[in-house]
Amino acid sequence: MKDGGHITLTLPTGSVDERGRKSLRRAWNQLPRCQRNLIILGITAFCVTVLLCLSGDQLMASSLKDSEEKLPMVASYHMRQQNPHHHPSKDKDQAEASPAPPASVLEDKQTIRREVENDKFNEAYAEANSAENVVRLPETVAVDLPHAVALPAPDNTKDQDLGGIDILNNVEPFDQQPSEPLGEKEQLDLAIKNPLNLGGVSFKEHLHKIRPLLAKGQHFHGASNERQSAVVAAFKHSWAGYKKYAWGHDNLKPISQYSHEWFGLGLSIVDSLDTMYIMGLDDEFKEARDWVENSLRFDTKRDVNLFEVTIRVLGGLLSAYHLSGDTMFLAKASELGNRLLPAFSSPSGIPYSDVNLGDLSAHSPKWSPDSSTSEVTTIQLEFRDLSRSTNVSIYEQVAHTVNEKVHELDKKHGLVPIFINANTGTFRNYATISLGARGDSYYEYLLKQWIQTGRKDNDILILDYMQAIDGVLTELMRRTPREHWVYIGELINGKDFKPKMDHLTCYLPGTLLLGHQNGMPDSHLILARDLMDTCYQTYMMNPTHLAAEISYFALTEKDDQDIYVKPNDAHNLLRPEFIESLYYFYALTGNRTYQDMGWTIFQAFETHTKVNAGYTSLGNVKNAQNTRMRDLMESFWLSETLKYFYLLFSDNRKEIDLEQWVFNSEGHPLPVYSLKT
């Protein structure tokens, strides 16, 4: 050690010049002590920083590894939430112990996200729990989901990129107890909170997961005879007017050549998708499909009617999906289903009538505290099909809860009042009982739901249906005094008979025949035939050969006519109910007489309702020279009336096989599920 107190370092000889080393040492020694301390402190801080950074990387890698190991648990949870009518859920431990698990179990163990090069959805799943297939979590954050969702399309359409959403946020509710199923209330809240999700993940992820369950496209040959071709021409004429003057709006006003808005959901487009597909109108179907994909939005803050939007839009999307196999329609239907769910958040479980799709809120109608009974009981076909199509049970659960609650209520020989309170879950006291407006489709959906679910013995649906038809026979059915026309009247205040029958009630002959075909007693068949004759008479009795909205019937021989129409009820809205019944009679019996009856009515529509821009409703069917055109073409003209005419005139009465399909109240065919599914 030198006198100055500094350490002398002796370095081995080598290539470094000894003089240079001494020079560096001398320069260091000449620095003030404070400067030397600062330099040493800086070097020490740098070293500590490097060590901390290295440790952070190791911690982050460990955290990512833990997250990747947890993701398969979340995916497995969602598959355990399957609807039992599709895939019975598998016990996780049993699945893992199986030496050769089936493909569905392998898919259950797939990670929620996977890096797929070029985002090709048609690539098969890789082996479950493979480390190469686990997505890096930071890459899933803040991915934009476009509103117009697209999914893998069938062979006749191009593949579309769906995009994604923040999966981290979506799975957060399951992190604490991923293995425990959510209750109905929790599932309902989750769906409402995340309307662009299914079961807690994006549409793309969920539908990709249930890919083996997705529908295959159906094939139709197009018109096969002159009558069918005439109906196709009527549709194309209607479509051309709508496209020119009302494209993207709900309805066409064909006289003023303008649009009519109701809910702002393009009702005429969505409602007619399956009609175009069945008719083989490929070009029209494609342009309608593209509009749905790119322009149909559900996030507008606007009240809509739960029933109308369910049967027209949700039903239309689901039917288009089942017929075409295009999963874009199913993704749209899933979003709409989520946005309609707030209606079921009432205290009783009976849904509110009005829903704000943008605000995700619901309430009773502004004009009354009550919902229409037919409206809250005519959504089950669609919500059940949405559950079974997506493998997410909440839609069927909330809809079937309504069945159970209405089943428990007191009725008059199985007949229900036309108003029900969503807050209390009870019928309005002394409300009218009718198979017309506000009551009709309650009875229709009892039978059709039973058929949809595989015709189970002793189901409350069919028990309620049979009791209701007994009530119709004993409480509502009458015959006119002279011609003995059979009709179905109403009970005003629940007790006073009124000989009034809406045209809407003319759906009943077809429904009764469908029930008889599925095992209902012969009394249903007799009533169906008698009521069919009466409904046809309501057309033929008028000089236009078109039926009025409401008909009245004589109670005694003192009345001048057995069937008469009041001036305020003489309008015709292009309604489909009787054409629907004619179709059922032809499809189920093969009797071509019903085709001839339908052709007479179709020609009457051609003569009196066809105008330059489409077809219009009429104000007075009792005067062929002054029908008072009302300037509105409802979407059900495209969805139901023309579709039923087309199927009625088919050479193949099983063009839509009624053993395999059931029509909703807006004429949209949905698949029948066997008890095994």
Foldseek 3Di string as FASTA:
>chain_A
DDPVPDDDDDDDDDDDDPVVVVVVVVVVVPDDPVVVVVVVVVVVVVVVVVVVVVVVVVVVVVVQVVVLVCQLLLLLLLLCLFDVLPPHRDDPVVQVPDPDHDPLVQLSRAGLAFDDVVQDLVDDDDGGPDPNGRDRLVVLAPKDFDQLAFAQFPPVDHGDDGIFYNLVVLSVVCVPPSNDDDDLVVLLVSCLVCLQPFSSTGPHSLCSSVVVLFAAAAAADAFDDDLLVVLVVQLVLQVQLCCVAPPQAAWALQVVSHGDHDFSQNLLLLLQLVVCRNNVVVVSNVVSVVCSSPPGGQQDQDKDFLQVCLQRRLLSLQLNCNNRVGCSSLSVSSSVLSLSSQQQVAQQLQGAGMGGSNVSHGAHDPVDQWDFPLRSQQNQVRQCLSCSNSRRCNSNVSSVVLVVLVLPADDDQLFAAGIAGRHVSHGDQLHKTACAPSGVCNLLVLVLVCQQQAVDPPDSSVVSNLSVVVCQVPPFWDAFDPPGQIDGFMAGSRHRTFQKHFLRSLLQLLSLVVVVVVPDDCVSNVSSVSNLVVSQCQQVVAPLSHHWRMWGAHPDPVDPDRIDDDLQGAKFALDARSLNSLLSCCLVPVDLVSLVSLVVVVVSQVQQFDDSSHGFIFRHRRDSVHRHTPRIRHSLNSNHRSSSNSCSPHPNSPSPPPSFWDARPSRRTDGRRHNSD
